[in-house]
Amino acid sequence: MKAIKLPSREDYRRVWRTILRSSGIGTFIGILPAEGATVASMIGYNEARRWSKNPEEFGKGSVEGIAGSEAANNSATGGAMVPTLALGIPGSPTAAVILAGLMVHGLQPGPTMFTEQANFAYTIFWAMLLVNVTFIFVGLFGAKLFARVTFVPVQILWPIVFAFSIIGAYALDQAMLDVYIALASGVVGFFMRRFGFSVVPLAIGLILGGMLEKRLGQSLIMLDDQWWLMFTRPLTLLFFVLTVLALFGPSLWRLFKQRDPLESTGE
């Protein structure tokens, strides 16, 4: 059996920028209501690949890919508590369970919670800090044990994953149509991977497409169908700028770094 090794200092040196970037992405996505860690993980992985100097290594066990996905996934958990406690809107399925538990005990999350129930709010903050510190030791000492799941033979793992995927697709609405859609999506995903297309943007589109359409409709109603007024709102304009930077920033940065140094001096 192959030995399991924890990341080395060299690995951390390679991925510290990826960890910081994905932590910021995960926290931001977690703050957005109803997004959750899955979306954060996908975006974190996609951005890690976009900014990587070795994107061809992704999908083959790249340390950057793992760090990008997991850092975003973990940081989204804390971010999801922001709308849960401040607005009473769950930022993830887990946060929804926490919100329900708080309400069962007579606590009402929202803006007034930090004035009327300040002691309880800060108790939650300290508890989350303690959990994260504790998890450092749990992760360090338990990583080798948890990683043994990767030794499960693919011939056993894939049928189990397939069975749970079909059960999950059917269990949502108890409809066979959902199962057929899941099977068709699997076929489409197979051919996308076969011909070198990333399935991550497609998955993000499927998850966010419905919510984006709904929010866009609400925005147009508030603006009386004058969509160009979106560009007059500072916060909306900021999001547009961040989107453009996310799409074209890495390519422009590579072009900038590949320029001949003599060109910049005019020699």
C-alpha atoms as a PDB file:
ATOM      1  CA  MET A   1       0.000   0.000   0.000  1.00  0.00           C
ATOM      2  CA  LYS A   2       1.382   3.362  -1.011  1.00  0.00           C
ATOM      3  CA  ALA A   3       2.298   5.633   1.909  1.00  0.00           C
ATOM      4  CA  ILE A   4       0.161   8.708   2.519  1.00  0.00           C
ATOM      5  CA  LYS A   5       2.141  11.932   2.872  1.00  0.00           C
ATOM      6  CA  LEU A   6       1.003  15.312   4.089  1.00  0.00           C
ATOM      7  CA  PRO A   7       1.773  18.395   1.939  1.00  0.00           C
ATOM      8  CA  SER A   8       5.376  19.507   2.208  1.00  0.00           C
ATOM      9  CA  ARG A   9       6.711  23.032   2.701  1.00  0.00           C
ATOM     10  CA  GLU A  10       7.397  23.160  -1.018  1.00  0.00           C
ATOM     11  CA  ASP A  11       3.743  22.356  -1.729  1.00  0.00           C
ATOM     12  CA  TYR A  12       2.618  25.170   0.574  1.00  0.00           C
ATOM     13  CA  ARG A  13       5.081  27.527  -1.075  1.00  0.00           C
ATOM     14  CA  ARG A  14       3.547  26.721  -4.460  1.00  0.00           C
ATOM     15  CA  VAL A  15      -0.079  27.141  -3.447  1.00  0.00           C
ATOM     16  CA  TRP A  16      -0.174  29.905  -0.830  1.00  0.00           C
ATOM     17  CA  ARG A  17      -1.423  32.409  -3.389  1.00  0.00           C
ATOM     18  CA  THR A  18      -4.072  29.943  -4.537  1.00  0.00           C
ATOM     19  CA  ILE A  19      -5.172  29.386  -0.931  1.00  0.00           C
ATOM     20  CA  LEU A  20      -5.513  33.135  -0.290  1.00  0.00           C
ATOM     21  CA  ARG A  21      -7.390  33.701  -3.545  1.00  0.00           C
ATOM     22  CA  SER A  22      -9.780  30.792  -3.005  1.00  0.00           C
ATOM     23  CA  SER A  23     -10.330  31.746   0.639  1.00  0.00           C
ATOM     24  CA  GLY A  24     -11.482  35.175  -0.479  1.00  0.00           C
ATOM     25  CA  ILE A  25     -13.669  33.666  -3.200  1.00  0.00           C
ATOM     26  CA  GLY A  26     -15.181  31.146  -0.787  1.00  0.00           C
ATOM     27  CA  THR A  27     -15.935  33.765   1.857  1.00  0.00           C
ATOM     28  CA  PHE A  28     -17.552  36.047  -0.715  1.00  0.00           C
ATOM     29  CA  ILE A  29     -19.644  33.236  -2.237  1.00  0.00           C
ATOM     30  CA  GLY A  30     -20.607  32.057   1.245  1.00  0.00           C
ATOM     31  CA  ILE A  31     -21.936  35.503   2.115  1.00  0.00           C
ATOM     32  CA  LEU A  32     -24.264  35.422  -0.904  1.00  0.00           C
ATOM     33  CA  PRO A  33     -27.565  33.810   0.176  1.00  0.00           C
ATOM     34  CA  ALA A  34     -28.355  30.288  -1.076  1.00  0.00           C
ATOM     35  CA  GLU A  35     -25.042  29.745  -2.903  1.00  0.00           C
ATOM     36  CA  GLY A  36     -23.145  27.429  -0.581  1.00  0.00           C
ATOM     37  CA  ALA A  37     -19.837  25.600  -0.562  1.00  0.00           C
ATOM     38  CA  THR A  38     -20.457  23.643  -3.783  1.00  0.00           C
ATOM     39  CA  VAL A  39     -20.530  26.776  -5.931  1.00  0.00           C
ATOM     40  CA  ALA A  40     -17.547  28.206  -4.042  1.00  0.00           C
ATOM     41  CA  SER A  41     -15.567  25.008  -4.577  1.00  0.00           C
ATOM     42  CA  MET A  42     -16.230  24.994  -8.319  1.00  0.00           C
ATOM     43  CA  ILE A  43     -15.354  28.659  -8.755  1.00  0.00           C
ATOM     44  CA  GLY A  44     -12.247  28.262  -6.571  1.00  0.00           C
ATOM     45  CA  TYR A  45     -11.050  25.342  -8.697  1.00  0.00           C
ATOM     46  CA  ASN A  46     -11.810  27.161 -11.940  1.00  0.00           C
ATOM     47  CA  GLU A  47      -9.958  30.308 -10.856  1.00  0.00           C
ATOM     48  CA  ALA A  48      -7.000  28.245  -9.619  1.00  0.00           C
ATOM     49  CA  ARG A  49      -6.748  26.654 -13.044  1.00  0.00           C
ATOM     50  CA  ARG A  50      -7.202  29.990 -14.811  1.00  0.00           C
ATOM     51  CA  TRP A  51      -4.337  31.625 -12.881  1.00  0.00           C
ATOM     52  CA  SER A  52      -2.059  28.581 -12.786  1.00  0.00           C
ATOM     53  CA  LYS A  53       1.210  28.483 -14.713  1.00  0.00           C
ATOM     54  CA  ASN A  54       0.628  24.743 -15.286  1.00  0.00           C
ATOM     55  CA  PRO A  55      -3.078  24.338 -16.130  1.00  0.00           C
ATOM     56  CA  GLU A  56      -2.353  21.093 -17.970  1.00  0.00           C
ATOM     57  CA  GLU A  57      -1.704  19.405 -14.598  1.00  0.00           C
ATOM     58  CA  PHE A  58      -5.284  19.988 -13.431  1.00  0.00           C
ATOM     59  CA  GLY A  59      -7.413  16.868 -13.430  1.00  0.00           C
ATOM     60  CA  LYS A  60      -4.308  14.759 -12.727  1.00  0.00           C
ATOM     61  CA  GLY A  61      -3.885  15.406  -9.007  1.00  0.00           C
ATOM     62  CA  SER A  62      -2.573  18.978  -9.159  1.00  0.00           C
ATOM     63  CA  VAL A  63      -1.839  20.404  -5.711  1.00  0.00           C
ATOM     64  CA  GLU A  64      -3.077  23.801  -6.885  1.00  0.00           C
ATOM     65  CA  GLY A  65      -6.404  22.325  -7.952  1.00  0.00           C
ATOM     66  CA  ILE A  66      -6.925  20.598  -4.610  1.00  0.00           C
ATOM     67  CA  ALA A  67      -5.927  23.698  -2.639  1.00  0.00           C
ATOM     68  CA  GLY A  68      -8.101  25.991  -4.759  1.00  0.00           C
ATOM     69  CA  SER A  69     -11.189  23.840  -4.406  1.00  0.00           C
ATOM     70  CA  GLU A  70     -10.840  22.969  -0.726  1.00  0.00           C
ATOM     71  CA  ALA A  71      -9.858  26.454   0.467  1.00  0.00           C
ATOM     72  CA  ALA A  72     -12.950  27.909  -1.203  1.00  0.00           C
ATOM     73  CA  ASN A  73     -15.130  25.081   0.110  1.00  0.00           C
ATOM     74  CA  ASN A  74     -13.960  25.547   3.709  1.00  0.00           C
ATOM     75  CA  SER A  75     -14.060  29.349   3.765  1.00  0.00           C
ATOM     76  CA  ALA A  76     -17.613  29.360   2.384  1.00  0.00           C
ATOM     77  CA  THR A  77     -18.782  27.752   5.628  1.00  0.00           C
ATOM     78  CA  GLY A  78     -17.872  30.798   7.688  1.00  0.00           C
ATOM     79  CA  GLY A  79     -19.128  33.199   5.043  1.00  0.00           C
ATOM     80  CA  ALA A  80     -22.528  31.471   4.991  1.00  0.00           C
ATOM     81  CA  MET A  81     -23.052  32.460   8.625  1.00  0.00           C
ATOM     82  CA  VAL A  82     -23.030  36.164   7.711  1.00  0.00           C
ATOM     83  CA  PRO A  83     -26.469  36.288   6.000  1.00  0.00           C
ATOM     84  CA  THR A  84     -27.754  33.636   8.421  1.00  0.00           C
ATOM     85  CA  LEU A  85     -27.077  35.721  11.526  1.00  0.00           C
ATOM     86  CA  ALA A  86     -27.253  39.247  10.091  1.00  0.00           C
ATOM     87  CA  LEU A  87     -30.309  38.865   7.844  1.00  0.00           C
ATOM     88  CA  GLY A  88     -31.948  35.616   8.912  1.00  0.00           C
ATOM     89  CA  ILE A  89     -31.385  34.222   5.402  1.00  0.00           C
ATOM     90  CA  PRO A  90     -29.501  30.893   5.280  1.00  0.00           C
ATOM     91  CA  GLY A  91     -26.371  31.016   3.154  1.00  0.00           C
ATOM     92  CA  SER A  92     -26.180  27.222   2.747  1.00  0.00           C
ATOM     93  CA  PRO A  93     -28.175  24.054   3.581  1.00  0.00           C
ATOM     94  CA  THR A  94     -26.126  23.638   6.771  1.00  0.00           C
ATOM     95  CA  ALA A  95     -26.793  27.239   7.750  1.00  0.00           C
ATOM     96  CA  ALA A  96     -30.514  26.603   7.145  1.00  0.00           C
ATOM     97  CA  VAL A  97     -30.417  23.794   9.716  1.00  0.00           C
ATOM     98  CA  ILE A  98     -28.617  26.108  12.193  1.00  0.00           C
ATOM     99  CA  LEU A  99     -31.192  28.833  11.515  1.00  0.00           C
ATOM    100  CA  ALA A 100     -34.040  26.418  12.222  1.00  0.00           C
ATOM    101  CA  GLY A 101     -32.354  25.316  15.459  1.00  0.00           C
ATOM    102  CA  LEU A 102     -31.968  28.910  16.630  1.00  0.00           C
ATOM    103  CA  MET A 103     -35.616  29.668  15.926  1.00  0.00           C
ATOM    104  CA  VAL A 104     -36.755  26.530  17.745  1.00  0.00           C
ATOM    105  CA  HIS A 105     -34.992  27.866  20.852  1.00  0.00           C
ATOM    106  CA  GLY A 106     -36.769  31.202  20.532  1.00  0.00           C
ATOM    107  CA  LEU A 107     -33.898  33.124  18.943  1.00  0.00           C
ATOM    108  CA  GLN A 108     -34.581  35.331  15.950  1.00  0.00           C
ATOM    109  CA  PRO A 109     -31.502  35.915  13.739  1.00  0.00           C
ATOM    110  CA  GLY A 110     -31.427  39.308  12.057  1.00  0.00           C
ATOM    111  CA  PRO A 111     -30.133  42.847  12.527  1.00  0.00           C
ATOM    112  CA  THR A 112     -31.639  43.085  16.034  1.00  0.00           C
ATOM    113  CA  MET A 113     -29.791  39.984  17.177  1.00  0.00           C
ATOM    114  CA  PHE A 114     -26.562  41.966  17.647  1.00  0.00           C
ATOM    115  CA  THR A 115     -28.261  44.458  19.946  1.00  0.00           C
ATOM    116  CA  GLU A 116     -30.901  42.439  21.779  1.00  0.00           C
ATOM    117  CA  GLN A 117     -28.958  39.140  21.965  1.00  0.00           C
ATOM    118  CA  ALA A 118     -25.368  40.328  21.641  1.00  0.00           C
ATOM    119  CA  ASN A 119     -23.992  37.829  24.191  1.00  0.00           C
ATOM    120  CA  PHE A 120     -25.368  34.884  22.255  1.00  0.00           C
ATOM    121  CA  ALA A 121     -24.132  36.263  18.910  1.00  0.00           C
ATOM    122  CA  TYR A 122     -20.573  36.614  20.177  1.00  0.00           C
ATOM    123  CA  THR A 123     -20.777  33.169  21.767  1.00  0.00           C
ATOM    124  CA  ILE A 124     -21.345  31.795  18.265  1.00  0.00           C
ATOM    125  CA  PHE A 125     -18.331  33.737  16.956  1.00  0.00           C
ATOM    126  CA  TRP A 126     -16.043  32.389  19.690  1.00  0.00           C
ATOM    127  CA  ALA A 127     -17.380  28.866  19.185  1.00  0.00           C
ATOM    128  CA  MET A 128     -16.598  29.019  15.448  1.00  0.00           C
ATOM    129  CA  LEU A 129     -13.094  30.322  16.195  1.00  0.00           C
ATOM    130  CA  LEU A 130     -12.511  27.485  18.667  1.00  0.00           C
ATOM    131  CA  VAL A 131     -13.797  24.911  16.190  1.00  0.00           C
ATOM    132  CA  ASN A 132     -11.439  26.147  13.467  1.00  0.00           C
ATOM    133  CA  VAL A 133      -8.428  26.047  15.805  1.00  0.00           C
ATOM    134  CA  THR A 134      -9.401  22.559  16.977  1.00  0.00           C
ATOM    135  CA  PHE A 135      -9.831  21.392  13.407  1.00  0.00           C
ATOM    136  CA  ILE A 136      -6.189  22.218  12.700  1.00  0.00           C
ATOM    137  CA  PHE A 137      -5.122  19.452  15.077  1.00  0.00           C
ATOM    138  CA  VAL A 138      -7.884  17.088  13.955  1.00  0.00           C
ATOM    139  CA  GLY A 139      -6.875  17.619  10.348  1.00  0.00           C
ATOM    140  CA  LEU A 140      -3.160  17.172  10.941  1.00  0.00           C
ATOM    141  CA  PHE A 141      -3.512  13.996  12.981  1.00  0.00           C
ATOM    142  CA  GLY A 142      -6.457  12.531  11.073  1.00  0.00           C
ATOM    143  CA  ALA A 143      -5.462  13.398   7.494  1.00  0.00           C
ATOM    144  CA  LYS A 144      -3.634  10.111   6.898  1.00  0.00           C
ATOM    145  CA  LEU A 145      -6.591   8.147   8.207  1.00  0.00           C
ATOM    146  CA  PHE A 146      -9.177  10.114   6.231  1.00  0.00           C
ATOM    147  CA  ALA A 147      -7.080   9.908   3.052  1.00  0.00           C
ATOM    148  CA  ARG A 148      -7.298   6.111   3.058  1.00  0.00           C
ATOM    149  CA  VAL A 149     -10.635   6.433   1.305  1.00  0.00           C
ATOM    150  CA  THR A 150      -8.589   7.082  -1.856  1.00  0.00           C
ATOM    151  CA  PHE A 151      -7.374   3.483  -1.671  1.00  0.00           C
ATOM    152  CA  VAL A 152     -10.861   2.166  -2.377  1.00  0.00           C
ATOM    153  CA  PRO A 153     -10.619   0.463  -5.805  1.00  0.00           C
ATOM    154  CA  VAL A 154     -12.286   2.370  -8.641  1.00  0.00           C
ATOM    155  CA  GLN A 155     -14.202  -0.798  -9.564  1.00  0.00           C
ATOM    156  CA  ILE A 156     -15.973  -0.524  -6.190  1.00  0.00           C
ATOM    157  CA  LEU A 157     -16.098   3.263  -5.806  1.00  0.00           C
ATOM    158  CA  TRP A 158     -17.701   4.181  -9.143  1.00  0.00           C
ATOM    159  CA  PRO A 159     -20.721   1.823  -8.879  1.00  0.00           C
ATOM    160  CA  ILE A 160     -21.395   3.226  -5.398  1.00  0.00           C
ATOM    161  CA  VAL A 161     -21.157   6.827  -6.655  1.00  0.00           C
ATOM    162  CA  PHE A 162     -23.382   5.980  -9.624  1.00  0.00           C
ATOM    163  CA  ALA A 163     -26.014   4.344  -7.418  1.00  0.00           C
ATOM    164  CA  PHE A 164     -26.134   7.278  -4.992  1.00  0.00           C
ATOM    165  CA  SER A 165     -26.328   9.741  -7.903  1.00  0.00           C
ATOM    166  CA  ILE A 166     -29.354   7.967  -9.359  1.00  0.00           C
ATOM    167  CA  ILE A 167     -31.017   7.689  -5.945  1.00  0.00           C
ATOM    168  CA  GLY A 168     -30.371  11.371  -5.261  1.00  0.00           C
ATOM    169  CA  ALA A 169     -31.783  12.422  -8.638  1.00  0.00           C
ATOM    170  CA  TYR A 170     -34.958  10.392  -8.049  1.00  0.00           C
ATOM    171  CA  ALA A 171     -35.407  11.298  -4.387  1.00  0.00           C
ATOM    172  CA  LEU A 172     -35.767  15.040  -5.012  1.00  0.00           C
ATOM    173  CA  ASP A 173     -39.209  14.881  -6.710  1.00  0.00           C
ATOM    174  CA  GLN A 174     -39.695  11.091  -7.079  1.00  0.00           C
ATOM    175  CA  ALA A 175     -39.733  11.551 -10.860  1.00  0.00           C
ATOM    176  CA  MET A 176     -38.069   9.289 -13.417  1.00  0.00           C
ATOM    177  CA  LEU A 177     -37.582  12.312 -15.666  1.00  0.00           C
ATOM    178  CA  ASP A 178     -34.930  13.570 -13.233  1.00  0.00           C
ATOM    179  CA  VAL A 179     -33.140  10.217 -13.495  1.00  0.00           C
ATOM    180  CA  TYR A 180     -33.125  10.418 -17.307  1.00  0.00           C
ATOM    181  CA  ILE A 181     -31.782  13.968 -17.133  1.00  0.00           C
ATOM    182  CA  ALA A 182     -29.038  12.817 -14.739  1.00  0.00           C
ATOM    183  CA  LEU A 183     -28.060   9.989 -17.105  1.00  0.00           C
ATOM    184  CA  ALA A 184     -28.069  12.326 -20.126  1.00  0.00           C
ATOM    185  CA  SER A 185     -25.952  14.839 -18.194  1.00  0.00           C
ATOM    186  CA  GLY A 186     -23.481  12.071 -17.406  1.00  0.00           C
ATOM    187  CA  VAL A 187     -23.153  11.237 -21.094  1.00  0.00           C
ATOM    188  CA  VAL A 188     -22.670  14.918 -21.989  1.00  0.00           C
ATOM    189  CA  GLY A 189     -20.071  15.275 -19.223  1.00  0.00           C
ATOM    190  CA  PHE A 190     -18.224  12.189 -20.459  1.00  0.00           C
ATOM    191  CA  PHE A 191     -17.862  13.544 -23.981  1.00  0.00           C
ATOM    192  CA  MET A 192     -16.892  16.997 -22.690  1.00  0.00           C
ATOM    193  CA  ARG A 193     -14.070  15.464 -20.659  1.00  0.00           C
ATOM    194  CA  ARG A 194     -13.153  13.212 -23.573  1.00  0.00           C
ATOM    195  CA  PHE A 195     -12.664  16.162 -25.935  1.00  0.00           C
ATOM    196  CA  GLY A 196     -10.972  18.483 -23.440  1.00  0.00           C
ATOM    197  CA  PHE A 197     -13.866  20.713 -22.364  1.00  0.00           C
ATOM    198  CA  SER A 198     -14.186  21.636 -18.682  1.00  0.00           C
ATOM    199  CA  VAL A 199     -17.471  20.595 -17.062  1.00  0.00           C
ATOM    200  CA  VAL A 200     -17.086  23.132 -14.229  1.00  0.00           C
ATOM    201  CA  PRO A 201     -18.523  26.170 -16.114  1.00  0.00           C
ATOM    202  CA  LEU A 202     -21.471  24.039 -17.251  1.00  0.00           C
ATOM    203  CA  ALA A 203     -22.150  22.869 -13.697  1.00  0.00           C
ATOM    204  CA  ILE A 204     -21.956  26.429 -12.361  1.00  0.00           C
ATOM    205  CA  GLY A 205     -24.329  27.580 -15.104  1.00  0.00           C
ATOM    206  CA  LEU A 206     -26.849  24.882 -14.222  1.00  0.00           C
ATOM    207  CA  ILE A 207     -26.701  25.785 -10.540  1.00  0.00           C
ATOM    208  CA  LEU A 208     -26.780  29.554 -10.899  1.00  0.00           C
ATOM    209  CA  GLY A 209     -28.778  29.905 -14.133  1.00  0.00           C
ATOM    210  CA  GLY A 210     -32.222  29.797 -12.538  1.00  0.00           C
ATOM    211  CA  MET A 211     -31.272  32.102  -9.679  1.00  0.00           C
ATOM    212  CA  LEU A 212     -29.605  34.563 -12.059  1.00  0.00           C
ATOM    213  CA  GLU A 213     -32.692  34.707 -14.284  1.00  0.00           C
ATOM    214  CA  LYS A 214     -34.965  35.289 -11.282  1.00  0.00           C
ATOM    215  CA  ARG A 215     -32.756  38.026  -9.801  1.00  0.00           C
ATOM    216  CA  LEU A 216     -32.383  39.723 -13.196  1.00  0.00           C
ATOM    217  CA  GLY A 217     -36.165  39.812 -13.581  1.00  0.00           C
ATOM    218  CA  GLN A 218     -36.534  41.354 -10.127  1.00  0.00           C
ATOM    219  CA  SER A 219     -33.891  43.964 -10.933  1.00  0.00           C
ATOM    220  CA  LEU A 220     -35.573  44.927 -14.219  1.00  0.00           C
ATOM    221  CA  ILE A 221     -38.920  45.341 -12.437  1.00  0.00           C
ATOM    222  CA  MET A 222     -37.324  47.645  -9.858  1.00  0.00           C
ATOM    223  CA  LEU A 223     -35.633  49.653 -12.639  1.00  0.00           C
ATOM    224  CA  ASP A 224     -38.837  49.824 -14.732  1.00  0.00           C
ATOM    225  CA  ASP A 225     -37.120  47.832 -17.551  1.00  0.00           C
ATOM    226  CA  GLN A 226     -34.407  50.470 -17.898  1.00  0.00           C
ATOM    227  CA  TRP A 227     -31.528  47.969 -17.714  1.00  0.00           C
ATOM    228  CA  TRP A 228     -28.842  50.563 -18.420  1.00  0.00           C
ATOM    229  CA  LEU A 229     -29.481  52.096 -15.006  1.00  0.00           C
ATOM    230  CA  MET A 230     -27.604  49.102 -13.548  1.00  0.00           C
ATOM    231  CA  PHE A 231     -24.386  50.780 -14.614  1.00  0.00           C
ATOM    232  CA  THR A 232     -25.212  53.851 -12.513  1.00  0.00           C
ATOM    233  CA  ARG A 233     -25.209  51.886  -9.234  1.00  0.00           C
ATOM    234  CA  PRO A 234     -21.710  51.726  -7.663  1.00  0.00           C
ATOM    235  CA  LEU A 235     -22.148  48.258  -6.157  1.00  0.00           C
ATOM    236  CA  THR A 236     -23.539  46.787  -9.382  1.00  0.00           C
ATOM    237  CA  LEU A 237     -20.764  48.433 -11.375  1.00  0.00           C
ATOM    238  CA  LEU A 238     -18.213  46.915  -9.002  1.00  0.00           C
ATOM    239  CA  PHE A 239     -19.590  43.439  -9.698  1.00  0.00           C
ATOM    240  CA  PHE A 240     -19.419  44.036 -13.448  1.00  0.00           C
ATOM    241  CA  VAL A 241     -15.789  45.126 -13.133  1.00  0.00           C
ATOM    242  CA  LEU A 242     -14.936  42.059 -11.015  1.00  0.00           C
ATOM    243  CA  THR A 243     -16.617  39.818 -13.595  1.00  0.00           C
ATOM    244  CA  VAL A 244     -14.600  41.327 -16.443  1.00  0.00           C
ATOM    245  CA  LEU A 245     -11.383  40.962 -14.438  1.00  0.00           C
ATOM    246  CA  ALA A 246     -12.205  37.337 -13.643  1.00  0.00           C
ATOM    247  CA  LEU A 247     -12.838  36.574 -17.325  1.00  0.00           C
ATOM    248  CA  PHE A 248      -9.977  38.440 -18.957  1.00  0.00           C
ATOM    249  CA  GLY A 249      -7.554  39.234 -16.115  1.00  0.00           C
ATOM    250  CA  PRO A 250      -5.403  36.071 -16.327  1.00  0.00           C
ATOM    251  CA  SER A 251      -5.015  36.347 -20.121  1.00  0.00           C
ATOM    252  CA  LEU A 252      -4.080  40.023 -19.943  1.00  0.00           C
ATOM    253  CA  TRP A 253      -1.644  39.318 -17.099  1.00  0.00           C
ATOM    254  CA  ARG A 254       0.109  36.610 -19.123  1.00  0.00           C
ATOM    255  CA  LEU A 255       0.362  38.920 -22.135  1.00  0.00           C
ATOM    256  CA  PHE A 256       1.796  41.642 -19.912  1.00  0.00           C
ATOM    257  CA  LYS A 257       4.443  39.301 -18.472  1.00  0.00           C
ATOM    258  CA  GLN A 258       5.367  37.934 -21.900  1.00  0.00           C
ATOM    259  CA  ARG A 259       6.117  41.384 -23.312  1.00  0.00           C
ATOM    260  CA  ASP A 260       9.678  42.066 -24.235  1.00  0.00           C
ATOM    261  CA  PRO A 261      11.270  44.159 -21.453  1.00  0.00           C
ATOM    262  CA  LEU A 262      12.903  46.283 -24.145  1.00  0.00           C
ATOM    263  CA  GLU A 263       9.489  47.323 -25.479  1.00  0.00           C
ATOM    264  CA  SER A 264       8.497  48.853 -22.149  1.00  0.00           C
ATOM    265  CA  THR A 265      11.655  50.999 -22.117  1.00  0.00           C
ATOM    266  CA  GLY A 266      11.292  52.047 -25.750  1.00  0.00           C
ATOM    267  CA  GLU A 267      14.693  50.702 -26.688  1.00  0.00           C
END
